[in-house]
């Protein structure tokens, strides 16, 4: 059975569309691997979020599929999160009503509180009715991700005034995997616990490095990457230390051992 999932402009989980979706355990039976979902936003309440929406009115804005579902390690209430697969946004919003009729069939007993539910199972007919009015984004170029993964000292800019040629191999990184890794592993460093926003404030919100546990330079071709087991979030310092020796990157456990070992530094 297809499901409508609500994405709020303000949420305690701060999910990003198309990466992961956190939800209370009461919705577990509806959000299972393989479930087709439609993304929905309610009415705009804060004008600061207007630019990130297709419409200020309630609307549907994307379709996707539920991937792996896991317990949220940061929750004490049994909340879960689902990895999102096959995310396809709409070019234009699909309103909740067409010619005065809701696209979702609202049960009579839920007329007063239907729209409060963050997850709503819908019939296949309702799902297809929404898609009938959707204009899907196609051929969308892959967003580039600025991760400093293989060489922590080769940052974004590599030019200083003069023309130069690049000889070597560039490895493509997928921004959706970065988003999923952050949704799973969080924005604090998984080695030392450093959090950019807590130290620098709003200006550094969302800043973190995503590290490939197995460097992509040794893949030998394309490889399926599981953001839960193959990626980890690290601060810039820890990421640089991991890659300090180019010929052999440290494991996360080796990095943690370094942090635990007394350094004998006098102040």
Protein backbone atom coordinates (compact mmCIF):
# COMPACT_ATOMS: atom_id res chain seq x y z
CA UNK A 1 0.00 0.00 0.00
CA UNK A 2 1.41 3.43 -0.93
CA UNK A 3 1.97 6.00 1.81
CA UNK A 4 2.00 9.79 2.03
CA UNK A 5 4.83 11.10 4.23
CA UNK A 6 4.76 14.62 5.64
CA UNK A 7 7.89 16.76 5.55
CA UNK A 8 7.64 19.73 7.91
CA UNK A 9 9.60 22.93 7.40
CA UNK A 10 10.65 22.71 11.05
CA UNK A 11 11.34 19.30 12.58
CA UNK A 12 13.34 17.90 15.48
CA UNK A 13 14.96 15.48 13.01
CA UNK A 14 15.98 18.03 10.37
CA UNK A 15 15.68 15.48 7.54
CA UNK A 16 16.63 16.41 3.99
CA UNK A 17 14.32 15.46 1.14
CA UNK A 18 15.32 12.27 -0.61
CA UNK A 19 17.98 11.12 1.86
CA UNK A 20 16.42 9.70 5.01
CA UNK A 21 13.10 10.00 6.81
CA UNK A 22 12.79 9.77 10.60
CA UNK A 23 9.47 8.78 12.13
CA UNK A 24 7.85 7.61 15.40
CA UNK A 25 7.51 3.87 15.96
CA UNK A 26 3.71 4.02 15.61
CA UNK A 27 4.21 4.33 11.82
CA UNK A 28 6.50 1.30 11.57
CA UNK A 29 3.87 -0.99 10.05
CA UNK A 30 3.30 1.43 7.15
CA UNK A 31 6.89 2.33 6.34
CA UNK A 32 8.58 -0.89 5.27
CA UNK A 33 11.31 -1.52 2.72
CA UNK A 34 9.94 -1.20 -0.81
CA UNK A 35 6.92 0.96 0.11
CA UNK A 36 6.10 3.64 -2.47
CA UNK A 37 5.74 7.08 -0.90
CA UNK A 38 4.56 10.56 -1.87
CA UNK A 39 6.13 13.55 -0.14
CA UNK A 40 3.72 16.18 1.24
CA UNK A 41 4.07 19.62 2.82
CA UNK A 42 1.37 21.45 4.75
CA UNK A 43 0.68 25.19 4.71
CA UNK A 44 3.63 27.58 4.99
CA UNK A 45 3.83 29.00 8.52
CA UNK A 46 7.21 30.69 8.46
CA UNK A 47 8.07 32.87 5.44
CA UNK A 48 11.76 32.12 5.96
CA UNK A 49 11.14 28.72 4.35
CA UNK A 50 9.24 30.04 1.32
CA UNK A 51 12.22 29.75 -1.04
CA UNK A 52 12.70 26.05 -0.26
CA UNK A 53 9.11 25.10 -1.15
CA UNK A 54 7.20 24.74 -4.40
CA UNK A 55 4.13 26.40 -2.88
CA UNK A 56 2.94 28.10 0.29
CA UNK A 57 -0.25 26.03 0.14
CA UNK A 58 -0.49 22.32 1.10
CA UNK A 59 0.91 20.23 -1.74
CA UNK A 60 2.66 17.05 -2.86
CA UNK A 61 6.16 17.56 -4.22
CA UNK A 62 7.96 14.25 -4.85
CA UNK A 63 7.76 10.47 -4.97
CA UNK A 64 10.25 7.92 -3.65
CA UNK A 65 10.63 4.43 -2.24
CA UNK A 66 11.44 3.31 1.29
CA UNK A 67 14.81 1.56 1.60
CA UNK A 68 16.30 0.01 4.72
CA UNK A 69 14.55 0.88 8.00
CA UNK A 70 16.60 1.11 11.20
CA UNK A 71 16.27 2.22 14.80
CA UNK A 72 17.31 5.81 15.43
CA UNK A 73 20.37 5.50 17.71
CA UNK A 74 19.77 9.01 19.05
CA UNK A 75 16.22 8.29 20.21
CA UNK A 76 15.12 7.03 23.61
CA UNK A 77 11.54 6.48 22.40
CA UNK A 78 12.10 3.78 19.80
CA UNK A 79 11.94 6.17 16.85
CA UNK A 80 13.17 4.90 13.49
CA UNK A 81 14.53 6.19 10.22
CA UNK A 82 14.26 4.94 6.66
CA UNK A 83 16.79 5.36 3.91
CA UNK A 84 15.06 6.91 0.89
CA UNK A 85 15.58 5.46 -2.59
CA UNK A 86 14.51 6.49 -6.12
CA UNK A 87 13.63 10.04 -5.05
CA UNK A 88 12.05 12.03 -7.89
CA UNK A 89 10.88 15.60 -7.20
CA UNK A 90 8.06 17.36 -9.07
CA UNK A 91 8.63 20.41 -11.27
CA UNK A 92 5.45 22.01 -10.01
CA UNK A 93 3.42 21.41 -6.83
CA UNK A 94 0.42 19.10 -6.90
CA UNK A 95 -2.34 20.67 -4.77
CA UNK A 96 -4.29 18.55 -2.31
CA UNK A 97 -7.52 19.45 -4.14
CA UNK A 98 -8.32 19.30 -7.85
CA UNK A 99 -11.60 20.94 -8.91
CA UNK A 100 -12.63 21.10 -5.26
CA UNK A 101 -12.03 17.40 -4.57
CA UNK A 102 -9.25 16.03 -2.37
CA UNK A 103 -6.84 13.67 -4.10
CA UNK A 104 -6.68 11.62 -0.89
CA UNK A 105 -9.79 9.77 0.18
CA UNK A 106 -10.50 10.89 3.75
CA UNK A 107 -12.29 8.33 5.96
CA UNK A 108 -15.46 9.73 7.51
CA UNK A 109 -14.27 9.01 11.06
CA UNK A 110 -11.08 11.04 10.44
CA UNK A 111 -12.57 14.16 8.89
CA UNK A 112 -11.48 16.40 11.79
CA UNK A 113 -7.91 15.22 12.32
CA UNK A 114 -6.86 13.50 9.09
CA UNK A 115 -4.22 16.07 8.12
CA UNK A 116 -2.47 15.85 11.49
CA UNK A 117 -0.99 12.46 10.70
CA UNK A 118 2.66 12.57 9.68
CA UNK A 119 2.33 9.31 7.76
CA UNK A 120 -0.86 8.38 5.90
CA UNK A 121 -1.48 5.14 3.99
CA UNK A 122 -3.46 5.76 0.80
CA UNK A 123 -5.10 3.54 -1.76
CA UNK A 124 -3.41 2.72 -5.05
CA UNK A 125 -6.10 4.77 -6.79
CA UNK A 126 -5.27 7.83 -4.67
CA UNK A 127 -1.55 7.34 -5.31
CA UNK A 128 -2.11 7.18 -9.06
CA UNK A 129 -4.42 10.21 -8.92
CA UNK A 130 -1.62 12.26 -7.37
CA UNK A 131 0.88 11.04 -9.97
CA UNK A 132 -1.57 11.83 -12.75
CA UNK A 133 -1.16 15.53 -11.91
CA UNK A 134 2.58 15.37 -11.24
CA UNK A 135 5.23 16.74 -13.57
CA UNK A 136 8.34 14.78 -12.63
CA UNK A 137 11.83 16.25 -12.78
CA UNK A 138 13.78 14.21 -15.34
CA UNK A 139 17.39 14.31 -16.37
CA UNK A 140 18.33 16.22 -13.25
CA UNK A 141 22.13 16.50 -13.09
CA UNK A 142 23.79 14.84 -10.12
CA UNK A 143 24.58 17.36 -7.44
CA UNK A 144 28.26 17.61 -6.73
CA UNK A 145 29.39 16.90 -3.19
CA UNK A 146 32.41 18.71 -1.79
CA UNK A 147 33.80 15.98 0.41
CA UNK A 148 37.51 15.93 1.11
CA UNK A 149 37.71 12.19 1.27
CA UNK A 150 40.69 10.58 -0.38
CA UNK A 151 43.19 13.30 0.43
CA UNK A 152 42.20 15.45 3.36
CA UNK A 153 44.69 18.09 2.28
CA UNK A 154 43.33 18.55 -1.26
CA UNK A 155 40.49 20.95 -0.70
CA UNK A 156 38.10 22.63 -3.14
CA UNK A 157 40.46 25.18 -4.68
CA UNK A 158 43.62 23.99 -6.40
CA UNK A 159 44.54 27.02 -8.46
CA UNK A 160 46.50 30.17 -7.57
CA UNK A 161 46.30 32.64 -10.41
CA UNK A 162 47.91 30.74 -13.26
CA UNK A 163 46.55 28.23 -15.71
CA UNK A 164 47.34 24.60 -15.02
CA UNK A 165 46.43 21.15 -16.27
CA UNK A 166 45.11 18.33 -14.13
CA UNK A 167 46.54 14.85 -14.60
CA UNK A 168 45.12 12.03 -12.54
CA UNK A 169 41.84 10.38 -11.65
CA UNK A 170 38.81 12.12 -10.24
CA UNK A 171 36.30 9.98 -8.37
CA UNK A 172 32.62 10.89 -8.53
CA UNK A 173 30.79 11.23 -5.23
CA UNK A 174 27.03 11.17 -4.87
CA UNK A 175 25.48 13.93 -2.81
CA UNK A 176 22.50 11.76 -1.86
CA UNK A 177 24.83 9.29 -0.12
CA UNK A 178 26.37 12.17 1.83
CA UNK A 179 22.91 13.27 2.99
CA UNK A 180 22.00 9.72 4.00
CA UNK A 181 25.26 9.31 5.91
CA UNK A 182 24.61 12.52 7.84
CA UNK A 183 21.05 11.46 8.58
CA UNK A 184 22.36 8.15 9.97
CA UNK A 185 25.59 9.17 11.69
CA UNK A 186 24.78 12.74 12.66
CA UNK A 187 26.65 16.03 12.46
CA UNK A 188 29.03 15.35 15.36
CA UNK A 189 32.40 13.76 14.73
CA UNK A 190 32.18 10.01 15.31
CA UNK A 191 35.73 9.97 16.65
CA UNK A 192 36.13 12.98 18.96
CA UNK A 193 32.54 14.24 19.24
CA UNK A 194 33.24 17.74 17.87
CA UNK A 195 30.17 19.54 16.50
CA UNK A 196 30.72 22.57 14.26
CA UNK A 197 27.39 24.25 15.00
CA UNK A 198 27.79 23.89 18.77
CA UNK A 199 31.17 25.63 18.60
CA UNK A 200 30.70 28.18 15.81
CA UNK A 201 26.93 28.69 15.86
CA UNK A 202 24.41 29.01 13.03
CA UNK A 203 27.10 29.94 10.49
CA UNK A 204 28.53 26.39 10.69
CA UNK A 205 25.22 24.52 10.80
CA UNK A 206 25.33 21.32 8.75
CA UNK A 207 29.10 21.36 8.33
CA UNK A 208 30.82 17.96 8.62
CA UNK A 209 33.10 15.71 6.54
CA UNK A 210 31.83 12.35 5.29
CA UNK A 211 34.57 9.71 5.22
CA UNK A 212 34.58 6.52 3.16
CA UNK A 213 35.60 3.69 5.45
CA UNK A 214 37.04 1.99 2.37
CA UNK A 215 38.70 4.71 0.21
CA UNK A 216 36.96 4.96 -3.17
CA UNK A 217 40.34 5.17 -4.91
CA UNK A 218 40.77 1.42 -4.31
CA UNK A 219 37.29 0.38 -5.47
CA UNK A 220 38.59 -0.68 -8.89
CA UNK A 221 35.38 0.57 -10.48
CA UNK A 222 31.86 1.32 -9.35
CA UNK A 223 30.78 -0.11 -6.00
CA UNK A 224 27.51 -0.16 -4.09
CA UNK A 225 28.00 2.03 -1.02
CA UNK A 226 25.92 1.49 2.10
CA UNK A 227 25.82 4.84 3.95
CA UNK A 228 25.24 3.01 7.24
CA UNK A 229 28.35 0.81 7.13
CA UNK A 230 30.61 2.28 4.42
CA UNK A 231 30.46 5.97 5.41
CA UNK A 232 31.09 7.83 8.66
CA UNK A 233 31.00 11.51 9.68
CA UNK A 234 34.22 13.11 10.96
CA UNK A 235 35.36 16.61 11.84
CA UNK A 236 38.02 18.21 9.64
CA UNK A 237 40.81 17.52 12.15
CA UNK A 238 40.03 13.83 12.57
CA UNK A 239 39.54 13.44 8.83
CA UNK A 240 42.97 14.96 8.19
CA UNK A 241 44.58 12.62 10.73
CA UNK A 242 42.92 9.58 9.14
CA UNK A 243 44.55 10.48 5.81
CA UNK A 244 47.85 11.71 7.27
CA UNK A 245 49.73 8.92 5.52
CA UNK A 246 48.59 8.67 1.95
CA UNK A 247 49.61 5.04 1.52
CA UNK A 248 47.51 3.80 4.46
CA UNK A 249 44.50 5.54 5.92
CA UNK A 250 43.74 4.87 9.57
CA UNK A 251 40.66 2.92 10.56
CA UNK A 252 38.14 4.65 12.82
CA UNK A 253 39.18 2.38 15.70
CA UNK A 254 42.84 3.29 15.18
CA UNK A 255 41.85 6.95 15.20
CA UNK A 256 39.93 6.50 18.47
CA UNK A 257 42.93 4.71 19.97
CA UNK A 258 45.04 7.77 19.21
CA UNK A 259 42.51 9.96 20.97
CA UNK A 260 42.47 7.69 24.03
CA UNK A 261 46.25 7.42 24.33
CA UNK A 262 47.83 10.01 26.69
CA UNK A 263 50.06 12.35 24.70
CA UNK A 264 52.22 13.63 27.54
CA UNK A 265 51.94 17.23 26.35
CA UNK A 266 52.82 19.81 29.00
CA UNK A 267 51.03 23.15 29.15
